[in-house]
């Protein structure tokens, strides 16, 4: 799946699938290696998405003038 088509939710879902495949699947060493590499990529993607969202939310909250609410 290309990064442009990837959402946070899809990445988490794929990570969960990878975990299940590794736990319950009969995979070769090469397959496990590839799945771990993909999971590492997806985890980094999710971490960046969460970081970006946190910054955006903090910026929005900083711009709210509570005295005017």
Protein backbone atom coordinates (compact mmCIF):
# COMPACT_ATOMS: atom_id res chain seq x y z
CA UNK A 1 0.00 0.00 0.00
CA UNK A 2 1.39 3.36 -1.02
CA UNK A 3 1.89 5.92 1.71
CA UNK A 4 -0.49 8.39 0.03
CA UNK A 5 -3.31 5.83 0.34
CA UNK A 6 -2.44 5.01 3.94
CA UNK A 7 -4.44 6.35 6.86
CA UNK A 8 -3.59 6.03 10.53
CA UNK A 9 -6.46 3.57 10.98
CA UNK A 10 -5.35 1.41 8.04
CA UNK A 11 -1.78 1.38 9.35
CA UNK A 12 -2.92 0.23 12.80
CA UNK A 13 -5.10 -2.44 11.21
CA UNK A 14 -2.18 -3.69 9.14
CA UNK A 15 0.08 -3.77 12.21
CA UNK A 16 -2.52 -5.86 14.04
CA UNK A 17 -2.69 -8.25 11.07
CA UNK A 18 1.09 -8.55 10.98
CA UNK A 19 1.15 -9.39 14.69
CA UNK A 20 -1.48 -12.09 14.22
CA UNK A 21 0.35 -13.50 11.20
CA UNK A 22 3.58 -13.75 13.16
CA UNK A 23 1.92 -15.19 16.26
CA UNK A 24 -0.29 -17.74 14.52
CA UNK A 25 1.13 -18.19 11.06
CA UNK A 26 3.68 -20.66 9.90
CA UNK A 27 5.99 -18.23 8.22
CA UNK A 28 9.46 -18.65 6.89
CA UNK A 29 12.28 -16.62 8.39
CA UNK A 30 12.24 -14.41 5.29
CA UNK A 31 8.51 -13.76 5.62
CA UNK A 32 8.86 -12.88 9.30
CA UNK A 33 11.73 -10.55 8.43
CA UNK A 34 9.66 -8.76 5.77
CA UNK A 35 6.65 -8.46 8.07
CA UNK A 36 8.78 -7.00 10.84
CA UNK A 37 10.27 -4.47 8.42
CA UNK A 38 6.78 -3.47 7.28
CA UNK A 39 5.56 -3.21 10.88
CA UNK A 40 8.51 -0.98 11.78
CA UNK A 41 7.69 1.29 8.84
CA UNK A 42 4.02 1.43 9.83
CA UNK A 43 4.86 2.18 13.47
CA UNK A 44 7.08 5.08 12.40
CA UNK A 45 4.31 6.33 10.10
CA UNK A 46 1.80 6.24 12.98
CA UNK A 47 4.23 7.97 15.32
CA UNK A 48 4.69 10.81 12.82
CA UNK A 49 0.94 11.10 12.23
CA UNK A 50 0.27 11.32 15.97
CA UNK A 51 3.04 13.87 16.43
CA UNK A 52 1.67 16.03 13.62
CA UNK A 53 -1.85 15.81 15.03
CA UNK A 54 -0.63 16.72 18.50
CA UNK A 55 1.15 19.81 17.17
CA UNK A 56 -1.94 20.88 15.22
CA UNK A 57 -4.20 20.43 18.24
CA UNK A 58 -1.81 22.30 20.53
CA UNK A 59 -1.66 25.14 18.00
CA UNK A 60 -5.45 25.30 17.85
CA UNK A 61 -5.74 25.24 21.64
CA UNK A 62 -3.11 27.97 21.97
CA UNK A 63 -5.15 30.17 19.62
CA UNK A 64 -8.36 29.84 21.62
CA UNK A 65 -9.02 32.87 23.74
CA UNK A 66 -10.89 31.44 26.72
CA UNK A 67 -12.00 34.92 27.85
CA UNK A 68 -14.10 35.26 24.69
CA UNK A 69 -15.87 31.91 25.07
